[in-house]
Amino acid sequence: MKKDFSVRRLTTLALLTTIALTIFVVESAIPAFIPIPGVKLGLANIVTLFVIKRYRISDAAIVLGMRIVLATIFAGQAVSFIYSVSGGFLCLVVMAAVNKLLKGNYIFLTGILGAVSHNVGQILAAFFVLRLSGIFAYMPFLMISGIVTGLFTGLVCYFADRYIPKNAI
């Protein structure tokens, strides 16, 4: 019976990774709404937040890690890997901590703090890679965009969690 659980878990994580990767690829094809580098919706984060809410943190880390690796391969931008890993995993840690602290409630707040921490992680990575302190001038813009996009992803996750049956995925 344990082997069946492992196959089910692996299949579920593969499906969620595929969904996150598909969302990422589609979002990458959408032109930027705001002409500020680094500002995007971050829709693939909906899946990460959903996995944190429904499953284990380790499952969310697997889905996130696989999405980042596959997105780097498909997008062909190896340098973006550093930014994606630093932003993505800081976001994961913050969202997991906030979700645990709030006992799974206020998922929109978890989304906001995750998006803001994702931006902080990417700015810190950019600073260490580029060694330009001027990169921090983007922070106010990225904080505002993180609040708006995090609220959106948190609300989408809230409704997905509410309306997708627990045994469906």
Protein backbone atom coordinates (compact mmCIF):
# COMPACT_ATOMS: atom_id res chain seq x y z
CA MET A 1 0.00 0.00 0.00
CA LYS A 2 2.87 2.38 0.75
CA LYS A 3 4.16 2.00 -2.79
CA ASP A 4 0.76 3.07 -4.17
CA PHE A 5 0.92 6.21 -2.01
CA SER A 6 4.37 6.99 -3.41
CA VAL A 7 3.15 6.62 -6.98
CA ARG A 8 0.12 8.79 -6.25
CA ARG A 9 2.29 11.43 -4.60
CA LEU A 10 4.79 11.41 -7.45
CA THR A 11 2.01 11.69 -10.01
CA THR A 12 0.37 14.54 -8.11
CA LEU A 13 3.64 16.45 -7.82
CA ALA A 14 4.38 15.90 -11.52
CA LEU A 15 0.92 17.20 -12.43
CA LEU A 16 1.31 20.27 -10.23
CA THR A 17 4.79 20.93 -11.65
CA THR A 18 3.37 20.71 -15.17
CA ILE A 19 0.61 23.16 -14.29
CA ALA A 20 3.11 25.61 -12.75
CA LEU A 21 5.47 25.29 -15.72
CA THR A 22 2.65 25.83 -18.20
CA ILE A 23 1.50 28.93 -16.35
CA PHE A 24 5.09 30.21 -16.28
CA VAL A 25 5.57 29.68 -20.04
CA VAL A 26 2.25 31.35 -20.90
CA GLU A 27 3.02 34.28 -18.60
CA SER A 28 6.47 34.65 -20.18
CA ALA A 29 4.79 35.15 -23.56
CA ILE A 30 2.66 38.02 -22.26
CA PRO A 31 4.26 41.44 -22.83
CA ALA A 32 5.15 43.37 -19.69
CA PHE A 33 2.41 45.74 -18.52
CA ILE A 34 4.83 47.93 -16.60
CA PRO A 35 8.17 48.96 -18.13
CA ILE A 36 10.13 48.18 -14.97
CA PRO A 37 12.53 45.21 -15.19
CA GLY A 38 11.53 42.33 -12.94
CA VAL A 39 7.87 43.28 -12.55
CA LYS A 40 5.57 40.45 -13.58
CA LEU A 41 2.46 38.77 -12.26
CA GLY A 42 4.15 35.63 -10.89
CA LEU A 43 1.17 33.44 -11.67
CA ALA A 44 3.13 30.20 -11.28
CA ASN A 45 3.38 31.11 -7.59
CA ILE A 46 -0.32 30.25 -7.30
CA VAL A 47 0.63 26.59 -7.64
CA THR A 48 3.40 26.85 -5.04
CA LEU A 49 1.00 28.51 -2.62
CA PHE A 50 -1.65 25.88 -3.35
CA VAL A 51 0.82 23.07 -2.62
CA ILE A 52 1.87 24.74 0.65
CA LYS A 53 -1.79 25.02 1.64
CA ARG A 54 -2.81 21.48 0.70
CA TYR A 55 0.34 19.37 1.02
CA ARG A 56 3.73 19.39 2.74
CA ILE A 57 6.42 22.02 2.52
CA SER A 58 8.75 19.41 1.01
CA ASP A 59 6.19 18.82 -1.75
CA ALA A 60 6.08 22.55 -2.47
CA ALA A 61 9.89 22.65 -2.59
CA ILE A 62 9.93 19.78 -5.10
CA VAL A 63 7.32 21.43 -7.33
CA LEU A 64 9.09 24.80 -7.13
CA GLY A 65 12.55 23.33 -7.75
CA MET A 66 11.42 21.29 -10.74
CA ARG A 67 9.55 24.24 -12.22
CA ILE A 68 12.63 26.45 -11.91
CA VAL A 69 14.94 23.85 -13.48
CA LEU A 70 12.56 23.07 -16.33
CA ALA A 71 11.75 26.74 -16.95
CA THR A 72 15.47 27.49 -17.16
CA ILE A 73 15.92 24.69 -19.70
CA PHE A 74 12.89 25.74 -21.78
CA ALA A 75 13.52 29.49 -21.60
CA GLY A 76 17.23 29.04 -22.32
CA GLN A 77 18.35 31.73 -19.89
CA ALA A 78 20.83 30.16 -17.49
CA VAL A 79 21.49 33.47 -15.71
CA SER A 80 17.83 33.68 -14.71
CA PHE A 81 18.30 30.44 -12.75
CA ILE A 82 20.17 32.30 -9.99
CA TYR A 83 17.42 34.89 -9.65
CA SER A 84 14.64 32.32 -9.80
CA VAL A 85 16.20 30.09 -7.15
CA SER A 86 16.97 32.92 -4.75
CA GLY A 87 13.57 34.58 -5.11
CA GLY A 88 11.61 31.36 -5.32
CA PHE A 89 13.03 29.62 -2.30
CA LEU A 90 12.99 32.73 -0.09
CA CYS A 91 9.35 33.10 -1.11
CA LEU A 92 8.72 29.44 -0.27
CA VAL A 93 10.26 29.75 3.19
CA VAL A 94 8.33 32.92 3.99
CA MET A 95 5.01 31.55 2.69
CA ALA A 96 5.47 28.30 4.59
CA ALA A 97 6.24 30.16 7.82
CA VAL A 98 3.34 32.59 7.41
CA ASN A 99 0.94 29.79 6.45
CA LYS A 100 1.94 27.84 9.55
CA LEU A 101 1.77 30.92 11.77
CA LEU A 102 -1.70 31.82 10.48
CA LYS A 103 -2.82 28.17 10.53
CA GLY A 104 -3.73 28.23 6.83
CA ASN A 105 -5.99 31.26 7.17
CA TYR A 106 -5.57 34.58 5.37
CA ILE A 107 -3.95 32.96 2.35
CA PHE A 108 -4.05 36.33 0.58
CA LEU A 109 -1.65 37.69 3.22
CA THR A 110 0.58 34.68 2.69
CA GLY A 111 0.58 35.46 -1.05
CA ILE A 112 1.49 39.09 -0.46
CA LEU A 113 4.38 38.30 1.88
CA GLY A 114 5.57 35.58 -0.49
CA ALA A 115 5.61 37.92 -3.49
CA VAL A 116 7.40 40.65 -1.56
CA SER A 117 10.00 38.18 -0.28
CA HIS A 118 10.45 36.82 -3.81
CA ASN A 119 11.32 40.32 -4.98
CA VAL A 120 13.70 40.81 -2.05
CA GLY A 121 15.44 37.51 -2.88
CA GLN A 122 15.87 38.50 -6.52
CA ILE A 123 17.20 41.96 -5.65
CA LEU A 124 19.71 40.44 -3.21
CA ALA A 125 20.82 37.95 -5.86
CA ALA A 126 21.17 40.75 -8.40
CA PHE A 127 23.23 42.75 -5.93
CA PHE A 128 25.63 39.85 -5.30
CA VAL A 129 25.90 39.03 -9.02
CA LEU A 130 26.19 42.57 -10.38
CA ARG A 131 27.78 44.29 -7.36
CA LEU A 132 25.69 47.41 -8.04
CA SER A 133 24.14 49.11 -5.04
CA GLY A 134 21.89 51.07 -7.42
CA ILE A 135 19.83 47.91 -7.87
CA PHE A 136 18.15 48.71 -4.55
CA ALA A 137 16.47 51.71 -6.24
CA TYR A 138 14.01 49.16 -7.69
CA MET A 139 12.85 48.07 -4.24
CA PRO A 140 9.95 50.53 -3.80
CA PHE A 141 8.53 49.59 -7.21
CA LEU A 142 9.01 45.89 -6.57
CA MET A 143 7.38 46.15 -3.12
CA ILE A 144 4.29 47.79 -4.59
CA SER A 145 4.10 45.26 -7.41
CA GLY A 146 4.67 42.44 -4.91
CA ILE A 147 1.75 43.58 -2.79
CA VAL A 148 -0.58 43.81 -5.78
CA THR A 149 0.47 40.57 -7.47
CA GLY A 150 0.74 38.69 -4.16
CA LEU A 151 -2.80 39.72 -3.27
CA PHE A 152 -3.99 38.46 -6.64
CA THR A 153 -2.17 35.11 -6.40
CA GLY A 154 -3.33 34.68 -2.81
CA LEU A 155 -6.95 35.27 -3.77
CA VAL A 156 -6.73 32.88 -6.73
CA CYS A 157 -5.23 30.25 -4.41
CA TYR A 158 -8.00 30.86 -1.88
CA PHE A 159 -10.69 30.19 -4.48
CA ALA A 160 -8.80 27.22 -5.96
CA ASP A 161 -8.48 25.67 -2.52
CA ARG A 162 -12.13 26.35 -1.80
CA TYR A 163 -13.57 24.97 -5.04
CA ILE A 164 -11.18 22.19 -6.05
CA PRO A 165 -12.21 19.05 -4.17
CA LYS A 166 -9.56 17.78 -1.73
CA ASN A 167 -9.22 14.43 -3.52
CA ALA A 168 -9.19 15.89 -7.04
CA ILE A 169 -5.47 16.61 -7.06
